[in-house]
Amino acid sequence: IDPVGSGESTDADGPSGLSSNFNASMKGTAFPPAVMIASTWNKDLARQ
């Protein structure tokens, strides 16, 4: 929105990493699902 200087941003789906439904090149690492992360009881790992 140019009149207020608000630039365009891009969002991606999740939650197990970044994935795009529209651009095949805009995909990140496919991480283990949340239930596996929770099973570690490791807050530091979740933060990483």
All heavy atoms as atom14 arrays in JSON, in Angstrom:
{
  "sequence": "IDPVGSGESTDADGPSGLSSNFNASMKGTAFPPAVMIASTWNKDLARQ",
  "atom14_mask": [
    [1, 1, 1, 1, 1, 1, 1, 1, 0, 0, 0, 0, 0, 0],
    [1, 1, 1, 1, 1, 1, 1, 1, 0, 0, 0, 0, 0, 0],
    [1, 1, 1, 1, 1, 1, 1, 0, 0, 0, 0, 0, 0, 0],
    [1, 1, 1, 1, 1, 1, 1, 0, 0, 0, 0, 0, 0, 0],
    [1, 1, 1, 1, 0, 0, 0, 0, 0, 0, 0, 0, 0, 0],
    [1, 1, 1, 1, 1, 1, 0, 0, 0, 0, 0, 0, 0, 0],
    [1, 1, 1, 1, 0, 0, 0, 0, 0, 0, 0, 0, 0, 0],
    [1, 1, 1, 1, 1, 1, 1, 1, 1, 0, 0, 0, 0, 0],
    [1, 1, 1, 1, 1, 1, 0, 0, 0, 0, 0, 0, 0, 0],
    [1, 1, 1, 1, 1, 1, 1, 0, 0, 0, 0, 0, 0, 0],
    [1, 1, 1, 1, 1, 1, 1, 1, 0, 0, 0, 0, 0, 0],
    [1, 1, 1, 1, 1, 0, 0, 0, 0, 0, 0, 0, 0, 0],
    [1, 1, 1, 1, 1, 1, 1, 1, 0, 0, 0, 0, 0, 0],
    [1, 1, 1, 1, 0, 0, 0, 0, 0, 0, 0, 0, 0, 0],
    [1, 1, 1, 1, 1, 1, 1, 0, 0, 0, 0, 0, 0, 0],
    [1, 1, 1, 1, 1, 1, 0, 0, 0, 0, 0, 0, 0, 0],
    [1, 1, 1, 1, 0, 0, 0, 0, 0, 0, 0, 0, 0, 0],
    [1, 1, 1, 1, 1, 1, 1, 1, 0, 0, 0, 0, 0, 0],
    [1, 1, 1, 1, 1, 1, 0, 0, 0, 0, 0, 0, 0, 0],
    [1, 1, 1, 1, 1, 1, 0, 0, 0, 0, 0, 0, 0, 0],
    [1, 1, 1, 1, 1, 1, 1, 1, 0, 0, 0, 0, 0, 0],
    [1, 1, 1, 1, 1, 1, 1, 1, 1, 1, 1, 0, 0, 0],
    [1, 1, 1, 1, 1, 1, 1, 1, 0, 0, 0, 0, 0, 0],
    [1, 1, 1, 1, 1, 0, 0, 0, 0, 0, 0, 0, 0, 0],
    [1, 1, 1, 1, 1, 1, 0, 0, 0, 0, 0, 0, 0, 0],
    [1, 1, 1, 1, 1, 1, 1, 1, 0, 0, 0, 0, 0, 0],
    [1, 1, 1, 1, 1, 1, 1, 1, 1, 0, 0, 0, 0, 0],
    [1, 1, 1, 1, 0, 0, 0, 0, 0, 0, 0, 0, 0, 0],
    [1, 1, 1, 1, 1, 1, 1, 0, 0, 0, 0, 0, 0, 0],
    [1, 1, 1, 1, 1, 0, 0, 0, 0, 0, 0, 0, 0, 0],
    [1, 1, 1, 1, 1, 1, 1, 1, 1, 1, 1, 0, 0, 0],
    [1, 1, 1, 1, 1, 1, 1, 0, 0, 0, 0, 0, 0, 0],
    [1, 1, 1, 1, 1, 1, 1, 0, 0, 0, 0, 0, 0, 0],
    [1, 1, 1, 1, 1, 0, 0, 0, 0, 0, 0, 0, 0, 0],
    [1, 1, 1, 1, 1, 1, 1, 0, 0, 0, 0, 0, 0, 0],
    [1, 1, 1, 1, 1, 1, 1, 1, 0, 0, 0, 0, 0, 0],
    [1, 1, 1, 1, 1, 1, 1, 1, 0, 0, 0, 0, 0, 0],
    [1, 1, 1, 1, 1, 0, 0, 0, 0, 0, 0, 0, 0, 0],
    [1, 1, 1, 1, 1, 1, 0, 0, 0, 0, 0, 0, 0, 0],
    [1, 1, 1, 1, 1, 1, 1, 0, 0, 0, 0, 0, 0, 0],
    [1, 1, 1, 1, 1, 1, 1, 1, 1, 1, 1, 1, 1, 1],
    [1, 1, 1, 1, 1, 1, 1, 1, 0, 0, 0, 0, 0, 0],
    [1, 1, 1, 1, 1, 1, 1, 1, 1, 0, 0, 0, 0, 0],
    [1, 1, 1, 1, 1, 1, 1, 1, 0, 0, 0, 0, 0, 0],
    [1, 1, 1, 1, 1, 1, 1, 1, 0, 0, 0, 0, 0, 0],
    [1, 1, 1, 1, 1, 0, 0, 0, 0, 0, 0, 0, 0, 0],
    [1, 1, 1, 1, 1, 1, 1, 1, 1, 1, 1, 0, 0, 0],
    [1, 1, 1, 1, 1, 1, 1, 1, 1, 0, 0, 0, 0, 0]
  ],
  "atom14_positions": [
    [[0.88, -1.17, 0.0], [0.0, 0.0, 0.0], [0.92, 1.22, 0.0], [1.4, 1.68, 1.05], [-0.93, 0.01, 1.22], [-1.74, -1.29, 1.26], [-1.87, 1.21, 1.17], [-2.67, -1.41, 2.46], [0.0, 0.0, 0.0], [0.0, 0.0, 0.0], [0.0, 0.0, 0.0], [0.0, 0.0, 0.0], [0.0, 0.0, 0.0], [0.0, 0.0, 0.0]],
    [[1.2, 1.72, -1.19], [2.21, 2.75, -1.37], [1.96, 4.04, -0.59], [2.91, 4.63, -0.06], [2.38, 3.06, -2.86], [2.95, 1.88, -3.63], [3.66, 1.06, -3.01], [2.67, 1.76, -4.84], [0.0, 0.0, 0.0], [0.0, 0.0, 0.0], [0.0, 0.0, 0.0], [0.0, 0.0, 0.0], [0.0, 0.0, 0.0], [0.0, 0.0, 0.0]],
    [[0.71, 4.53, -0.5], [0.51, 5.81, 0.18], [0.98, 5.84, 1.64], [1.28, 6.92, 2.17], [-1.01, 6.03, 0.07], [-1.4, 5.28, -1.14], [-0.53, 4.06, -1.14], [0.0, 0.0, 0.0], [0.0, 0.0, 0.0], [0.0, 0.0, 0.0], [0.0, 0.0, 0.0], [0.0, 0.0, 0.0], [0.0, 0.0, 0.0], [0.0, 0.0, 0.0]],
    [[1.02, 4.69, 2.29], [1.48, 4.68, 3.69], [2.81, 3.94, 3.82], [3.27, 3.65, 4.93], [0.44, 4.04, 4.62], [-0.82, 4.89, 4.66], [0.11, 2.61, 4.2], [0.0, 0.0, 0.0], [0.0, 0.0, 0.0], [0.0, 0.0, 0.0], [0.0, 0.0, 0.0], [0.0, 0.0, 0.0], [0.0, 0.0, 0.0], [0.0, 0.0, 0.0]],
    [[3.45, 3.62, 2.68], [4.77, 3.01, 2.72], [4.78, 1.58, 3.2], [5.81, 1.1, 3.7], [0.0, 0.0, 0.0], [0.0, 0.0, 0.0], [0.0, 0.0, 0.0], [0.0, 0.0, 0.0], [0.0, 0.0, 0.0], [0.0, 0.0, 0.0], [0.0, 0.0, 0.0], [0.0, 0.0, 0.0], [0.0, 0.0, 0.0], [0.0, 0.0, 0.0]],
    [[3.67, 0.88, 3.07], [3.6, -0.51, 3.51], [3.97, -1.42, 2.35], [3.31, -1.44, 1.32], [2.18, -0.84, 3.99], [2.07, -2.2, 4.35], [0.0, 0.0, 0.0], [0.0, 0.0, 0.0], [0.0, 0.0, 0.0], [0.0, 0.0, 0.0], [0.0, 0.0, 0.0], [0.0, 0.0, 0.0], [0.0, 0.0, 0.0], [0.0, 0.0, 0.0]],
    [[5.07, -2.16, 2.52], [5.55, -3.0, 1.44], [4.85, -4.34, 1.37], [4.14, -4.75, 2.29], [0.0, 0.0, 0.0], [0.0, 0.0, 0.0], [0.0, 0.0, 0.0], [0.0, 0.0, 0.0], [0.0, 0.0, 0.0], [0.0, 0.0, 0.0], [0.0, 0.0, 0.0], [0.0, 0.0, 0.0], [0.0, 0.0, 0.0], [0.0, 0.0, 0.0]],
    [[5.04, -5.02, 0.25], [4.45, -6.34, 0.09], [5.21, -7.36, 0.92], [6.43, -7.28, 1.09], [4.47, -6.76, -1.38], [3.79, -8.09, -1.65], [3.69, -8.43, -3.12], [4.19, -7.62, -3.94], [3.11, -9.47, -3.45], [0.0, 0.0, 0.0], [0.0, 0.0, 0.0], [0.0, 0.0, 0.0], [0.0, 0.0, 0.0], [0.0, 0.0, 0.0]],
    [[4.48, -8.33, 1.47], [5.11, -9.41, 2.22], [4.61, -10.74, 1.68], [3.57, -10.81, 1.02], [4.77, -9.29, 3.71], [3.39, -9.47, 3.94], [0.0, 0.0, 0.0], [0.0, 0.0, 0.0], [0.0, 0.0, 0.0], [0.0, 0.0, 0.0], [0.0, 0.0, 0.0], [0.0, 0.0, 0.0], [0.0, 0.0, 0.0], [0.0, 0.0, 0.0]],
    [[5.35, -11.8, 1.98], [5.0, -13.13, 1.5], [4.88, -14.08, 2.68], [5.77, -14.16, 3.53], [6.09, -13.66, 0.53], [6.18, -12.77, -0.58], [5.74, -15.05, 0.04], [0.0, 0.0, 0.0], [0.0, 0.0, 0.0], [0.0, 0.0, 0.0], [0.0, 0.0, 0.0], [0.0, 0.0, 0.0], [0.0, 0.0, 0.0], [0.0, 0.0, 0.0]],
    [[3.77, -14.81, 2.75], [3.55, -15.8, 3.79], [3.59, -17.19, 3.2], [3.27, -17.39, 2.02], [2.18, -15.58, 4.47], [2.04, -14.2, 5.08], [3.06, -13.65, 5.52], [0.9, -13.68, 5.11], [0.0, 0.0, 0.0], [0.0, 0.0, 0.0], [0.0, 0.0, 0.0], [0.0, 0.0, 0.0], [0.0, 0.0, 0.0], [0.0, 0.0, 0.0]],
    [[3.96, -18.16, 4.03], [4.01, -19.55, 3.59], [3.27, -20.44, 4.57], [3.14, -20.11, 5.75], [5.45, -20.02, 3.45], [0.0, 0.0, 0.0], [0.0, 0.0, 0.0], [0.0, 0.0, 0.0], [0.0, 0.0, 0.0], [0.0, 0.0, 0.0], [0.0, 0.0, 0.0], [0.0, 0.0, 0.0], [0.0, 0.0, 0.0], [0.0, 0.0, 0.0]],
    [[2.81, -21.56, 4.08], [2.08, -22.49, 4.91], [3.04, -23.23, 5.84], [4.26, -23.15, 5.73], [1.3, -23.47, 4.05], [0.0, -23.91, 4.69], [-0.16, -23.7, 5.9], [-0.86, -24.46, 3.98], [0.0, 0.0, 0.0], [0.0, 0.0, 0.0], [0.0, 0.0, 0.0], [0.0, 0.0, 0.0], [0.0, 0.0, 0.0], [0.0, 0.0, 0.0]],
    [[2.47, -23.98, 6.78], [3.23, -24.76, 7.75], [2.35, -25.89, 8.21], [1.46, -26.33, 7.46], [0.0, 0.0, 0.0], [0.0, 0.0, 0.0], [0.0, 0.0, 0.0], [0.0, 0.0, 0.0], [0.0, 0.0, 0.0], [0.0, 0.0, 0.0], [0.0, 0.0, 0.0], [0.0, 0.0, 0.0], [0.0, 0.0, 0.0], [0.0, 0.0, 0.0]],
    [[2.52, -26.41, 9.44], [3.42, -25.85, 10.45], [4.78, -26.54, 10.55], [5.64, -26.09, 11.29], [2.63, -26.06, 11.74], [1.9, -27.33, 11.5], [1.56, -27.35, 10.04], [0.0, 0.0, 0.0], [0.0, 0.0, 0.0], [0.0, 0.0, 0.0], [0.0, 0.0, 0.0], [0.0, 0.0, 0.0], [0.0, 0.0, 0.0], [0.0, 0.0, 0.0]],
    [[4.99, -27.66, 9.82], [6.25, -28.39, 9.95], [7.27, -27.87, 8.94], [7.73, -28.59, 8.05], [6.02, -29.89, 9.75], [5.17, -30.41, 10.76], [0.0, 0.0, 0.0], [0.0, 0.0, 0.0], [0.0, 0.0, 0.0], [0.0, 0.0, 0.0], [0.0, 0.0, 0.0], [0.0, 0.0, 0.0], [0.0, 0.0, 0.0], [0.0, 0.0, 0.0]],
    [[7.58, -26.6, 9.07], [8.47, -25.96, 8.12], [7.7, -25.11, 7.14], [6.47, -25.01, 7.18], [0.0, 0.0, 0.0], [0.0, 0.0, 0.0], [0.0, 0.0, 0.0], [0.0, 0.0, 0.0], [0.0, 0.0, 0.0], [0.0, 0.0, 0.0], [0.0, 0.0, 0.0], [0.0, 0.0, 0.0], [0.0, 0.0, 0.0], [0.0, 0.0, 0.0]],
    [[8.41, -24.46, 6.24], [7.81, -23.56, 5.26], [7.49, -24.3, 3.97], [8.31, -25.05, 3.45], [8.76, -22.4, 4.96], [9.15, -21.52, 6.15], [10.27, -20.55, 5.74], [7.94, -20.75, 6.66], [0.0, 0.0, 0.0], [0.0, 0.0, 0.0], [0.0, 0.0, 0.0], [0.0, 0.0, 0.0], [0.0, 0.0, 0.0], [0.0, 0.0, 0.0]],
    [[6.29, -24.09, 3.46], [5.91, -24.69, 2.18], [4.98, -23.74, 1.45], [4.14, -23.09, 2.06], [5.22, -26.04, 2.39], [4.04, -25.89, 3.15], [0.0, 0.0, 0.0], [0.0, 0.0, 0.0], [0.0, 0.0, 0.0], [0.0, 0.0, 0.0], [0.0, 0.0, 0.0], [0.0, 0.0, 0.0], [0.0, 0.0, 0.0], [0.0, 0.0, 0.0]],
    [[5.13, -23.66, 0.15], [4.32, -22.76, -0.67], [3.41, -23.56, -1.59], [3.85, -24.53, -2.22], [5.21, -21.84, -1.5], [4.44, -21.08, -2.4], [0.0, 0.0, 0.0], [0.0, 0.0, 0.0], [0.0, 0.0, 0.0], [0.0, 0.0, 0.0], [0.0, 0.0, 0.0], [0.0, 0.0, 0.0], [0.0, 0.0, 0.0], [0.0, 0.0, 0.0]],
    [[2.15, -23.16, -1.64], [1.2, -23.79, -2.55], [1.29, -23.22, -3.96], [0.62, -23.72, -4.87], [-0.23, -23.61, -2.03], [-0.44, -24.31, -0.69], [0.12, -25.35, -0.44], [-1.26, -23.72, 0.16], [0.0, 0.0, 0.0], [0.0, 0.0, 0.0], [0.0, 0.0, 0.0], [0.0, 0.0, 0.0], [0.0, 0.0, 0.0], [0.0, 0.0, 0.0]],
    [[2.08, -22.18, -4.14], [2.07, -21.46, -5.4], [3.44, -21.39, -6.06], [3.54, -21.14, -7.25], [1.56, -20.03, -5.19], [0.27, -19.98, -4.4], [0.27, -19.63, -3.06], [-0.93, -20.3, -5.0], [-0.91, -19.59, -2.34], [-2.11, -20.27, -4.29], [-2.11, -19.92, -2.95], [0.0, 0.0, 0.0], [0.0, 0.0, 0.0], [0.0, 0.0, 0.0]],
    [[4.5, -21.58, -5.28], [5.84, -21.43, -5.83], [6.69, -22.6, -5.33], [7.07, -22.64, -4.16], [6.45, -20.09, -5.41], [7.77, -19.81, -6.11], [8.47, -20.73, -6.55], [8.12, -18.54, -6.21], [0.0, 0.0, 0.0], [0.0, 0.0, 0.0], [0.0, 0.0, 0.0], [0.0, 0.0, 0.0], [0.0, 0.0, 0.0], [0.0, 0.0, 0.0]],
    [[6.99, -23.55, -6.21], [7.71, -24.76, -5.82], [9.1, -24.46, -5.28], [9.65, -25.25, -4.5], [7.81, -25.72, -7.0], [0.0, 0.0, 0.0], [0.0, 0.0, 0.0], [0.0, 0.0, 0.0], [0.0, 0.0, 0.0], [0.0, 0.0, 0.0], [0.0, 0.0, 0.0], [0.0, 0.0, 0.0], [0.0, 0.0, 0.0], [0.0, 0.0, 0.0]],
    [[9.68, -23.34, -5.68], [11.04, -23.01, -5.22], [11.05, -22.4, -3.82], [12.11, -22.3, -3.21], [11.69, -22.04, -6.21], [11.0, -20.79, -6.23], [0.0, 0.0, 0.0], [0.0, 0.0, 0.0], [0.0, 0.0, 0.0], [0.0, 0.0, 0.0], [0.0, 0.0, 0.0], [0.0, 0.0, 0.0], [0.0, 0.0, 0.0], [0.0, 0.0, 0.0]],
    [[9.88, -22.02, -3.31], [9.82, -21.38, -2.0], [9.39, -22.39, -0.95], [8.33, -22.28, -0.32], [8.87, -20.18, -2.03], [9.31, -19.07, -2.95], [8.2, -17.64, -2.93], [8.42, -17.05, -1.26], [0.0, 0.0, 0.0], [0.0, 0.0, 0.0], [0.0, 0.0, 0.0], [0.0, 0.0, 0.0], [0.0, 0.0, 0.0], [0.0, 0.0, 0.0]],
    [[10.21, -23.41, -0.76], [9.94, -24.42, 0.23], [11.17, -24.64, 1.09], [12.29, -24.74, 0.58], [9.51, -25.73, -0.43], [8.13, -25.67, -1.06], [7.66, -27.05, -1.5], [6.23, -26.97, -2.06], [5.73, -28.3, -2.46], [0.0, 0.0, 0.0], [0.0, 0.0, 0.0], [0.0, 0.0, 0.0], [0.0, 0.0, 0.0], [0.0, 0.0, 0.0]],
    [[10.93, -24.73, 2.39], [12.02, -24.96, 3.31], [12.11, -26.42, 3.7], [11.53, -27.31, 3.07], [0.0, 0.0, 0.0], [0.0, 0.0, 0.0], [0.0, 0.0, 0.0], [0.0, 0.0, 0.0], [0.0, 0.0, 0.0], [0.0, 0.0, 0.0], [0.0, 0.0, 0.0], [0.0, 0.0, 0.0], [0.0, 0.0, 0.0], [0.0, 0.0, 0.0]],
    [[12.83, -26.66, 4.78], [13.02, -28.03, 5.27], [11.71, -28.6, 5.79], [10.94, -27.91, 6.46], [14.06, -28.03, 6.41], [15.28, -27.47, 5.93], [14.29, -29.43, 6.94], [0.0, 0.0, 0.0], [0.0, 0.0, 0.0], [0.0, 0.0, 0.0], [0.0, 0.0, 0.0], [0.0, 0.0, 0.0], [0.0, 0.0, 0.0], [0.0, 0.0, 0.0]],
    [[11.44, -29.87, 5.48], [10.28, -30.57, 6.03], [10.69, -31.19, 7.37], [11.33, -32.24, 7.41], [9.79, -31.63, 5.07], [0.0, 0.0, 0.0], [0.0, 0.0, 0.0], [0.0, 0.0, 0.0], [0.0, 0.0, 0.0], [0.0, 0.0, 0.0], [0.0, 0.0, 0.0], [0.0, 0.0, 0.0], [0.0, 0.0, 0.0], [0.0, 0.0, 0.0]],
    [[10.36, -30.52, 8.46], [10.75, -30.98, 9.79], [9.8, -32.06, 10.3], [8.69, -32.22, 9.78], [10.75, -29.8, 10.77], [11.83, -28.79, 10.51], [11.54, -27.61, 9.86], [13.13, -29.03, 10.91], [12.53, -26.68, 9.61], [14.14, -28.1, 10.68], [13.83, -26.92, 10.02], [0.0, 0.0, 0.0], [0.0, 0.0, 0.0], [0.0, 0.0, 0.0]],
    [[10.21, -32.81, 11.32], [9.28, -33.77, 11.95], [8.05, -33.03, 12.47], [8.12, -31.84, 12.8], [10.11, -34.36, 13.1], [11.53, -34.15, 12.7], [11.55, -32.86, 11.93], [0.0, 0.0, 0.0], [0.0, 0.0, 0.0], [0.0, 0.0, 0.0], [0.0, 0.0, 0.0], [0.0, 0.0, 0.0], [0.0, 0.0, 0.0], [0.0, 0.0, 0.0]],
    [[6.92, -33.72, 12.56], [5.69, -33.06, 13.02], [5.77, -32.64, 14.47], [6.63, -33.1, 15.24], [4.62, -34.14, 12.8], [5.37, -35.42, 12.86], [6.71, -35.14, 12.25], [0.0, 0.0, 0.0], [0.0, 0.0, 0.0], [0.0, 0.0, 0.0], [0.0, 0.0, 0.0], [0.0, 0.0, 0.0], [0.0, 0.0, 0.0], [0.0, 0.0, 0.0]],
    [[4.84, -31.78, 14.86], [4.87, -31.19, 16.2], [4.79, -32.24, 17.29], [5.41, -32.09, 18.35], [3.72, -30.19, 16.33], [0.0, 0.0, 0.0], [0.0, 0.0, 0.0], [0.0, 0.0, 0.0], [0.0, 0.0, 0.0], [0.0, 0.0, 0.0], [0.0, 0.0, 0.0], [0.0, 0.0, 0.0], [0.0, 0.0, 0.0], [0.0, 0.0, 0.0]],
    [[4.02, -33.31, 17.08], [3.88, -34.32, 18.12], [5.21, -34.99, 18.42], [5.49, -35.36, 19.57], [2.81, -35.36, 17.73], [3.23, -36.15, 16.5], [2.5, -36.28, 18.89], [0.0, 0.0, 0.0], [0.0, 0.0, 0.0], [0.0, 0.0, 0.0], [0.0, 0.0, 0.0], [0.0, 0.0, 0.0], [0.0, 0.0, 0.0], [0.0, 0.0, 0.0]],
    [[6.08, -35.11, 17.42], [7.4, -35.69, 17.67], [8.28, -34.71, 18.43], [9.03, -35.1, 19.33], [8.06, -36.09, 16.35], [9.41, -36.76, 16.53], [10.13, -37.37, 14.98], [9.03, -38.75, 14.65], [0.0, 0.0, 0.0], [0.0, 0.0, 0.0], [0.0, 0.0, 0.0], [0.0, 0.0, 0.0], [0.0, 0.0, 0.0], [0.0, 0.0, 0.0]],
    [[8.19, -33.42, 18.08], [8.95, -32.41, 18.82], [8.51, -32.38, 20.28], [9.32, -32.34, 21.2], [8.75, -31.02, 18.17], [9.28, -31.02, 16.74], [9.45, -29.95, 19.0], [10.76, -31.26, 16.61], [0.0, 0.0, 0.0], [0.0, 0.0, 0.0], [0.0, 0.0, 0.0], [0.0, 0.0, 0.0], [0.0, 0.0, 0.0], [0.0, 0.0, 0.0]],
    [[7.19, -32.43, 20.51], [6.68, -32.41, 21.88], [7.13, -33.64, 22.66], [7.36, -33.57, 23.87], [5.16, -32.32, 21.87], [0.0, 0.0, 0.0], [0.0, 0.0, 0.0], [0.0, 0.0, 0.0], [0.0, 0.0, 0.0], [0.0, 0.0, 0.0], [0.0, 0.0, 0.0], [0.0, 0.0, 0.0], [0.0, 0.0, 0.0], [0.0, 0.0, 0.0]],
    [[7.28, -34.76, 21.99], [7.67, -35.99, 22.66], [9.1, -35.93, 23.19], [9.48, -36.74, 24.04], [7.53, -37.18, 21.69], [6.19, -37.35, 21.3], [0.0, 0.0, 0.0], [0.0, 0.0, 0.0], [0.0, 0.0, 0.0], [0.0, 0.0, 0.0], [0.0, 0.0, 0.0], [0.0, 0.0, 0.0], [0.0, 0.0, 0.0], [0.0, 0.0, 0.0]],
    [[9.89, -35.0, 22.71], [11.25, -34.85, 23.23], [11.29, -34.11, 24.56], [12.29, -34.18, 25.27], [12.13, -34.08, 22.24], [11.69, -32.7, 22.17], [12.09, -34.69, 20.84], [0.0, 0.0, 0.0], [0.0, 0.0, 0.0], [0.0, 0.0, 0.0], [0.0, 0.0, 0.0], [0.0, 0.0, 0.0], [0.0, 0.0, 0.0], [0.0, 0.0, 0.0]],
    [[10.23, -33.38, 24.89], [10.21, -32.54, 26.11], [11.44, -31.61, 26.16], [11.99, -31.34, 27.22], [10.14, -33.4, 27.38], [8.88, -34.18, 27.51], [8.53, -35.3, 26.82], [7.78, -33.89, 28.38], [7.28, -35.72, 27.2], [6.8, -34.89, 28.17], [7.55, -32.9, 29.33], [5.59, -34.91, 28.85], [6.35, -32.91, 30.02], [5.39, -33.91, 29.78]],
    [[11.85, -31.15, 25.0], [13.08, -30.37, 24.91], [12.76, -28.98, 24.36], [12.6, -28.79, 23.15], [14.08, -31.1, 23.99], [15.47, -30.5, 24.05], [15.63, -29.3, 24.22], [16.47, -31.34, 23.89], [0.0, 0.0, 0.0], [0.0, 0.0, 0.0], [0.0, 0.0, 0.0], [0.0, 0.0, 0.0], [0.0, 0.0, 0.0], [0.0, 0.0, 0.0]],
    [[12.65, -28.0, 25.26], [12.3, -26.65, 24.84], [13.38, -26.05, 23.93], [13.07, -25.33, 22.98], [12.13, -25.75, 26.07], [11.04, -26.18, 27.03], [11.06, -25.3, 28.28], [10.1, -25.8, 29.34], [10.21, -25.03, 30.61], [0.0, 0.0, 0.0], [0.0, 0.0, 0.0], [0.0, 0.0, 0.0], [0.0, 0.0, 0.0], [0.0, 0.0, 0.0]],
    [[14.64, -26.35, 24.24], [15.74, -25.81, 23.43], [15.66, -26.32, 21.99], [15.89, -25.58, 21.04], [17.09, -26.18, 24.04], [17.35, -25.47, 25.35], [16.73, -24.41, 25.58], [18.15, -25.98, 26.16], [0.0, 0.0, 0.0], [0.0, 0.0, 0.0], [0.0, 0.0, 0.0], [0.0, 0.0, 0.0], [0.0, 0.0, 0.0], [0.0, 0.0, 0.0]],
    [[15.31, -27.59, 21.84], [15.19, -28.16, 20.51], [14.04, -27.5, 19.75], [14.17, -27.2, 18.55], [14.96, -29.67, 20.6], [14.94, -30.44, 19.28], [16.3, -30.35, 18.59], [14.58, -31.9, 19.52], [0.0, 0.0, 0.0], [0.0, 0.0, 0.0], [0.0, 0.0, 0.0], [0.0, 0.0, 0.0], [0.0, 0.0, 0.0], [0.0, 0.0, 0.0]],
    [[12.92, -27.26, 20.44], [11.8, -26.59, 19.8], [12.18, -25.18, 19.36], [11.82, -24.72, 18.27], [10.61, -26.54, 20.75], [0.0, 0.0, 0.0], [0.0, 0.0, 0.0], [0.0, 0.0, 0.0], [0.0, 0.0, 0.0], [0.0, 0.0, 0.0], [0.0, 0.0, 0.0], [0.0, 0.0, 0.0], [0.0, 0.0, 0.0], [0.0, 0.0, 0.0]],
    [[12.92, -24.5, 20.21], [13.35, -23.14, 19.86], [14.29, -23.15, 18.65], [14.21, -22.29, 17.78], [14.04, -22.49, 21.06], [14.26, -20.99, 20.89], [14.97, -20.39, 22.08], [15.02, -18.95, 22.01], [14.26, -18.12, 22.7], [13.37, -18.62, 23.53], [14.38, -16.82, 22.58], [0.0, 0.0, 0.0], [0.0, 0.0, 0.0], [0.0, 0.0, 0.0]],
    [[15.16, -24.18, 18.6], [16.06, -24.29, 17.45], [15.28, -24.49, 16.16], [15.64, -23.94, 15.11], [17.02, -25.45, 17.66], [18.06, -25.23, 18.75], [18.9, -26.46, 19.01], [19.19, -27.24, 18.1], [19.28, -26.68, 20.26], [0.0, 0.0, 0.0], [0.0, 0.0, 0.0], [0.0, 0.0, 0.0], [0.0, 0.0, 0.0], [0.0, 0.0, 0.0]]
  ]
}
